[in-house]
């Protein structure tokens, strides 16, 4: 149907004397015959970006923008390497491929869950992990630190590593890859998360060196001590939890929510950690964007920030010696 300029003006009311506001195409309302005009991967990535932007999606589970999200999802659906898309961008798609990509794009917009849950996998530090709603999508900043940033704080490679709040097991597995001679334990309170971690341990073939145990904090490891403790705990403060977009609310809430200031579990962790670290051991703790709350809650703690690409104050390093001294001071003050 032909649309006249008077139709456009009447459909777009504006102040008297001002130009009529231009109405953009709503990509969610494209008809099947219009979608059939999209023939190449480049066309479908462009459609996905338009749909994602129009739908107001949130990112942060492996990508941070609509284009990267679209390229990742569509390359996965077509069994293409996401880092080698250029040779394939202008290849024509068959009808079944196009329809499948459109359906995937629409699911992402309609369901508002992380792309990793739709695809069943996520990538962290170049490693593939199975991912679903049983655990957080792998994205911990600790993974970057294990690649080298942590070396400045380690006197020697750790022989024993404990990954607390292991979730789907990605950090425990990365630690096993990083230090092939180390014995690694991943611990979590969630049986569902540990079931996913078991699948990832099998996927990476590290079952002989990565043990998975269930329980609250250090309960399942008894009196064992470790050279290195890793922990990406629930640390998001309540105000931030209340403002989370749907993609983040789709993840297990117990793996994110850390109480009013985000520090509930971290308080318990710092009190208990000295009994589970070797004399020269240390704790690497992720606190994300909660540095202000962390510094306020632990103003009696000497620690160092381990810088990573996302920021200089999102990972905390603290040694057993410092934690023991903190305990001594607290005990003296209590008497």
Protein backbone atom coordinates (compact mmCIF):
# COMPACT_ATOMS: atom_id res chain seq x y z
CA UNK A 1 0.00 0.00 0.00
CA UNK A 2 1.32 3.39 -1.00
CA UNK A 3 1.81 5.86 1.86
CA UNK A 4 1.52 9.57 1.24
CA UNK A 5 3.43 12.27 3.05
CA UNK A 6 0.16 13.39 4.65
CA UNK A 7 -0.23 9.86 6.07
CA UNK A 8 3.24 10.04 7.58
CA UNK A 9 2.52 13.43 9.11
CA UNK A 10 -0.76 12.28 10.59
CA UNK A 11 0.92 9.18 12.02
CA UNK A 12 3.66 11.27 13.61
CA UNK A 13 2.10 14.13 15.60
CA UNK A 14 4.47 16.93 16.49
CA UNK A 15 4.39 20.50 17.67
CA UNK A 16 2.74 22.94 15.30
CA UNK A 17 5.26 24.24 12.85
CA UNK A 18 7.86 21.58 13.58
CA UNK A 19 8.89 18.83 11.13
CA UNK A 20 7.06 15.52 11.37
CA UNK A 21 9.01 12.91 13.30
CA UNK A 22 10.30 10.15 11.03
CA UNK A 23 9.02 6.68 11.92
CA UNK A 24 11.67 3.96 11.75
CA UNK A 25 10.90 0.45 10.56
CA UNK A 26 10.08 -1.89 13.44
CA UNK A 27 12.28 -4.96 12.72
CA UNK A 28 9.99 -7.10 14.88
CA UNK A 29 7.12 -6.63 12.42
CA UNK A 30 8.83 -7.70 9.20
CA UNK A 31 6.61 -10.02 7.20
CA UNK A 32 7.82 -13.44 6.00
CA UNK A 33 8.13 -12.22 2.41
CA UNK A 34 10.27 -9.32 3.59
CA UNK A 35 12.52 -11.65 5.60
CA UNK A 36 12.99 -13.80 2.52
CA UNK A 37 14.75 -10.86 0.90
CA UNK A 38 17.58 -11.39 3.41
CA UNK A 39 19.90 -13.89 1.74
CA UNK A 40 23.40 -13.68 3.20
CA UNK A 41 24.99 -14.05 6.61
CA UNK A 42 25.78 -10.35 6.46
CA UNK A 43 22.07 -9.67 5.97
CA UNK A 44 21.12 -11.79 8.97
CA UNK A 45 23.77 -10.29 11.25
CA UNK A 46 22.45 -6.85 10.30
CA UNK A 47 18.90 -8.01 11.07
CA UNK A 48 20.01 -9.41 14.43
CA UNK A 49 21.73 -6.17 15.41
CA UNK A 50 18.60 -4.20 14.49
CA UNK A 51 16.36 -6.57 16.46
CA UNK A 52 18.65 -6.63 19.48
CA UNK A 53 18.93 -2.84 19.59
CA UNK A 54 15.18 -2.41 19.11
CA UNK A 55 14.45 -4.96 21.85
CA UNK A 56 16.82 -3.25 24.28
CA UNK A 57 18.77 -6.39 25.12
CA UNK A 58 21.48 -6.44 27.76
CA UNK A 59 24.88 -8.05 27.33
CA UNK A 60 27.76 -9.06 29.54
CA UNK A 61 27.78 -12.84 29.20
CA UNK A 62 30.65 -13.13 26.77
CA UNK A 63 29.95 -10.08 24.62
CA UNK A 64 29.27 -6.44 25.39
CA UNK A 65 27.45 -5.21 22.27
CA UNK A 66 24.79 -6.21 19.77
CA UNK A 67 27.14 -6.91 16.86
CA UNK A 68 29.41 -9.29 18.74
CA UNK A 69 26.39 -11.04 20.22
CA UNK A 70 24.88 -11.48 16.76
CA UNK A 71 28.13 -12.69 15.20
CA UNK A 72 28.65 -15.23 17.99
CA UNK A 73 25.11 -16.59 17.90
CA UNK A 74 24.78 -16.85 14.15
CA UNK A 75 28.24 -18.30 13.57
CA UNK A 76 27.42 -20.95 16.18
CA UNK A 77 24.14 -21.78 14.43
CA UNK A 78 25.95 -22.21 11.11
CA UNK A 79 28.91 -24.17 12.55
CA UNK A 80 31.30 -21.39 11.54
CA UNK A 81 34.33 -20.10 13.49
CA UNK A 82 33.34 -16.73 14.92
CA UNK A 83 36.87 -15.38 14.48
CA UNK A 84 36.86 -16.20 10.74
CA UNK A 85 33.53 -14.82 9.56
CA UNK A 86 34.79 -12.51 6.82
CA UNK A 87 35.07 -15.18 4.07
CA UNK A 88 31.49 -16.27 4.77
CA UNK A 89 29.65 -12.99 5.24
CA UNK A 90 28.38 -12.73 1.67
CA UNK A 91 27.70 -16.43 1.14
CA UNK A 92 24.05 -17.06 0.36
CA UNK A 93 21.98 -18.97 2.88
CA UNK A 94 19.47 -21.64 2.00
CA UNK A 95 15.90 -21.16 3.21
CA UNK A 96 16.30 -23.58 6.12
CA UNK A 97 19.42 -21.80 7.35
CA UNK A 98 17.80 -18.38 7.13
CA UNK A 99 14.66 -19.55 8.92
CA UNK A 100 16.75 -21.13 11.67
CA UNK A 101 18.75 -17.93 12.19
CA UNK A 102 15.61 -15.80 12.30
CA UNK A 103 14.11 -18.16 14.88
CA UNK A 104 17.24 -17.93 17.03
CA UNK A 105 17.26 -14.14 16.81
CA UNK A 106 13.62 -14.04 17.86
CA UNK A 107 14.20 -16.38 20.81
CA UNK A 108 16.98 -14.13 22.10
CA UNK A 109 14.67 -11.12 21.93
CA UNK A 110 11.61 -12.87 23.31
CA UNK A 111 13.12 -14.91 26.15
CA UNK A 112 15.77 -12.40 27.33
CA UNK A 113 18.11 -15.11 28.60
CA UNK A 114 21.90 -15.11 28.07
CA UNK A 115 22.91 -16.26 24.61
CA UNK A 116 25.10 -18.90 26.26
CA UNK A 117 21.97 -20.58 27.64
CA UNK A 118 20.39 -20.68 24.19
CA UNK A 119 23.55 -22.08 22.60
CA UNK A 120 24.45 -24.38 25.49
CA UNK A 121 28.03 -23.17 25.60
CA UNK A 122 30.25 -20.25 26.53
CA UNK A 123 33.90 -19.37 25.99
CA UNK A 124 36.34 -18.14 28.61
CA UNK A 125 40.03 -17.49 27.94
CA UNK A 126 39.83 -19.42 24.68
CA UNK A 127 38.27 -22.49 26.29
CA UNK A 128 34.80 -23.85 25.58
CA UNK A 129 32.49 -24.66 28.48
CA UNK A 130 29.02 -26.13 28.58
CA UNK A 131 26.60 -23.54 29.94
CA UNK A 132 22.99 -23.57 31.06
CA UNK A 133 20.74 -22.21 33.78
CA UNK A 134 22.23 -24.50 36.43
CA UNK A 135 25.13 -22.07 36.93
CA UNK A 136 26.37 -18.61 36.06
CA UNK A 137 27.61 -18.12 32.51
CA UNK A 138 31.43 -18.44 32.70
CA UNK A 139 32.91 -14.94 32.65
CA UNK A 140 34.94 -14.52 35.83
CA UNK A 141 37.76 -12.00 35.73
CA UNK A 142 39.84 -14.51 37.67
CA UNK A 143 40.31 -16.37 34.40
CA UNK A 144 42.36 -13.47 33.04
CA UNK A 145 44.45 -13.31 36.21
CA UNK A 146 45.28 -17.00 35.90
CA UNK A 147 46.78 -16.29 32.47
CA UNK A 148 49.60 -14.30 34.01
CA UNK A 149 48.46 -11.30 36.07
CA UNK A 150 48.56 -13.40 39.23
CA UNK A 151 52.17 -14.45 38.72
CA UNK A 152 53.46 -11.29 40.40
CA UNK A 153 51.86 -12.40 43.66
CA UNK A 154 52.89 -16.07 43.56
CA UNK A 155 56.32 -17.14 44.79
CA UNK A 156 55.96 -20.45 42.96
CA UNK A 157 53.30 -22.39 41.08
CA UNK A 158 50.66 -23.70 43.49
CA UNK A 159 50.58 -27.41 44.17
CA UNK A 160 47.04 -27.34 45.56
CA UNK A 161 44.18 -25.10 44.42
CA UNK A 162 40.66 -24.70 45.82
CA UNK A 163 38.00 -23.00 43.70
CA UNK A 164 35.18 -21.97 46.01
CA UNK A 165 31.76 -21.23 44.47
CA UNK A 166 32.96 -23.15 41.42
CA UNK A 167 29.57 -23.13 39.67
CA UNK A 168 30.01 -24.83 36.31
CA UNK A 169 33.67 -25.48 37.09
CA UNK A 170 35.32 -23.12 34.61
CA UNK A 171 37.88 -21.63 37.01
CA UNK A 172 38.84 -25.00 38.48
CA UNK A 173 39.40 -26.29 34.96
CA UNK A 174 41.38 -23.22 33.90
CA UNK A 175 43.56 -23.65 36.99
CA UNK A 176 44.17 -27.29 36.06
CA UNK A 177 45.22 -26.21 32.56
CA UNK A 178 47.40 -23.42 33.94
CA UNK A 179 49.22 -25.61 36.47
CA UNK A 180 49.27 -29.20 35.16
CA UNK A 181 51.01 -30.50 38.29
CA UNK A 182 48.47 -29.02 40.71
CA UNK A 183 45.68 -30.87 42.48
CA UNK A 184 42.48 -28.84 42.10
CA UNK A 185 39.21 -29.00 44.03
CA UNK A 186 36.05 -27.21 42.99
CA UNK A 187 33.44 -26.68 45.72
CA UNK A 188 29.89 -25.42 45.55
CA UNK A 189 26.68 -25.54 47.55
CA UNK A 190 24.52 -26.22 44.49
CA UNK A 191 24.09 -29.82 43.37
CA UNK A 192 22.81 -28.60 40.00
CA UNK A 193 25.88 -26.44 39.42
CA UNK A 194 28.17 -29.34 40.34
CA UNK A 195 26.36 -31.60 37.87
CA UNK A 196 27.20 -29.09 35.14
CA UNK A 197 30.76 -28.83 36.45
CA UNK A 198 31.07 -32.62 36.22
CA UNK A 199 30.14 -32.43 32.53
CA UNK A 200 32.73 -29.70 31.95
CA UNK A 201 35.46 -31.62 33.77
CA UNK A 202 34.73 -34.58 31.48
CA UNK A 203 34.72 -32.31 28.42
CA UNK A 204 38.20 -31.06 29.28
CA UNK A 205 39.56 -34.44 30.29
CA UNK A 206 40.85 -33.28 33.68
CA UNK A 207 38.91 -35.67 35.88
CA UNK A 208 42.08 -37.15 37.39
CA UNK A 209 43.21 -33.77 38.71
CA UNK A 210 39.97 -31.87 39.39
CA UNK A 211 37.75 -33.14 42.20
CA UNK A 212 34.30 -31.66 42.78
CA UNK A 213 32.76 -31.51 46.25
CA UNK A 214 29.48 -30.17 47.59
CA UNK A 215 28.99 -28.11 50.70
CA UNK A 216 28.97 -24.69 52.32
CA UNK A 217 32.27 -22.86 51.90
CA UNK A 218 35.07 -24.96 53.45
CA UNK A 219 32.84 -27.64 54.99
CA UNK A 220 33.42 -30.25 52.27
CA UNK A 221 37.25 -30.00 52.39
CA UNK A 222 37.57 -30.59 56.12
CA UNK A 223 40.94 -29.49 57.46
CA UNK A 224 42.77 -29.43 54.12
CA UNK A 225 45.01 -26.50 53.32
CA UNK A 226 45.71 -25.02 49.90
CA UNK A 227 48.44 -22.96 48.29
CA UNK A 228 45.85 -20.96 46.38
CA UNK A 229 42.16 -20.33 46.96
CA UNK A 230 40.09 -18.84 44.14
CA UNK A 231 36.63 -17.48 44.77
CA UNK A 232 34.07 -15.73 42.60
CA UNK A 233 31.38 -15.44 45.27
CA UNK A 234 27.92 -13.90 45.18
CA UNK A 235 28.90 -10.26 45.70
CA UNK A 236 26.23 -8.10 44.04
CA UNK A 237 24.64 -5.64 46.48
CA UNK A 238 20.86 -5.65 46.89
CA UNK A 239 20.22 -2.33 45.15
CA UNK A 240 22.07 -3.63 42.08
CA UNK A 241 20.23 -6.96 42.26
CA UNK A 242 16.92 -5.10 42.20
CA UNK A 243 18.01 -3.25 39.04
CA UNK A 244 19.36 -6.24 37.09
CA UNK A 245 18.08 -6.68 33.52
CA UNK A 246 16.28 -9.92 32.59
CA UNK A 247 19.41 -11.61 31.18
CA UNK A 248 21.07 -11.50 34.60
CA UNK A 249 17.89 -12.41 36.48
CA UNK A 250 17.81 -15.59 34.39
CA UNK A 251 20.93 -16.82 36.20
CA UNK A 252 20.81 -18.60 39.58
CA UNK A 253 20.07 -15.79 42.06
CA UNK A 254 22.06 -17.43 44.84
CA UNK A 255 25.19 -17.15 42.72
CA UNK A 256 24.83 -13.37 42.42
CA UNK A 257 23.11 -11.88 45.48
CA UNK A 258 25.51 -10.98 48.28
CA UNK A 259 23.16 -9.20 50.70
CA UNK A 260 22.63 -5.51 51.38
CA UNK A 261 26.24 -4.53 50.63
CA UNK A 262 27.22 -7.65 48.68
CA UNK A 263 29.67 -8.75 51.37
CA UNK A 264 27.66 -11.38 53.32
CA UNK A 265 29.52 -14.45 52.10
CA UNK A 266 32.84 -12.63 51.79
CA UNK A 267 32.78 -11.84 55.52
CA UNK A 268 32.51 -15.53 56.30
CA UNK A 269 35.13 -16.40 53.72
CA UNK A 270 37.79 -14.05 55.07
CA UNK A 271 37.20 -15.24 58.63
CA UNK A 272 37.52 -18.93 57.69
CA UNK A 273 40.22 -18.79 55.00
CA UNK A 274 43.35 -18.73 57.24
CA UNK A 275 42.63 -22.24 58.50
CA UNK A 276 42.62 -23.52 54.91
CA UNK A 277 45.68 -21.81 53.47
CA UNK A 278 49.26 -23.08 53.61
CA UNK A 279 51.76 -20.75 55.33
CA UNK A 280 52.69 -19.02 52.06
CA UNK A 281 49.23 -19.33 50.56
CA UNK A 282 46.89 -16.65 49.31
CA UNK A 283 43.32 -15.92 48.29
CA UNK A 284 42.27 -14.43 44.95
CA UNK A 285 38.79 -12.96 45.29
CA UNK A 286 36.54 -11.38 42.68
CA UNK A 287 34.48 -8.40 43.86
CA UNK A 288 33.54 -6.87 40.49
CA UNK A 289 32.25 -3.31 40.82
CA UNK A 290 31.84 -3.56 44.59
CA UNK A 291 35.21 -2.04 45.58
CA UNK A 292 33.58 0.75 47.59
CA UNK A 293 31.52 -1.70 49.63
CA UNK A 294 34.53 -4.02 50.05
CA UNK A 295 36.80 -1.26 51.33
CA UNK A 296 34.12 -0.03 53.70
CA UNK A 297 33.40 -3.52 55.06
CA UNK A 298 37.07 -4.50 55.45
CA UNK A 299 38.84 -1.28 56.37
CA UNK A 300 41.05 -3.32 58.72
CA UNK A 301 42.38 -5.57 55.93
CA UNK A 302 45.66 -5.15 54.08
CA UNK A 303 45.20 -6.38 50.53
CA UNK A 304 46.25 -5.73 46.95
CA UNK A 305 44.18 -5.24 43.84
CA UNK A 306 45.14 -7.43 40.89
CA UNK A 307 44.56 -5.35 37.74
CA UNK A 308 42.82 -6.87 34.73
CA UNK A 309 41.47 -5.43 31.51
CA UNK A 310 38.05 -4.72 33.04
CA UNK A 311 39.53 -2.57 35.79
CA UNK A 312 42.21 -2.17 38.44
CA UNK A 313 40.00 -2.76 41.49
CA UNK A 314 37.85 -5.80 40.70
CA UNK A 315 40.10 -8.61 41.95
CA UNK A 316 41.53 -8.76 45.47
CA UNK A 317 44.67 -10.62 46.55
CA UNK A 318 45.24 -11.30 50.24
CA UNK A 319 47.78 -13.59 51.89
CA UNK A 320 47.30 -15.99 54.78
CA UNK A 321 49.77 -13.99 56.87
CA UNK A 322 47.60 -10.88 56.54
CA UNK A 323 44.42 -12.80 57.35
CA UNK A 324 46.02 -14.38 60.42
CA UNK A 325 47.16 -10.98 61.66
CA UNK A 326 43.67 -9.61 61.11
CA UNK A 327 42.24 -12.45 63.19
CA UNK A 328 44.74 -11.75 65.95
CA UNK A 329 43.78 -8.07 66.08
CA UNK A 330 40.08 -8.86 66.11
CA UNK A 331 40.60 -11.35 68.92
CA UNK A 332 42.57 -8.81 70.97
CA UNK A 333 39.89 -6.16 70.47
CA UNK A 334 37.20 -8.60 71.58
CA UNK A 335 38.91 -9.34 74.87
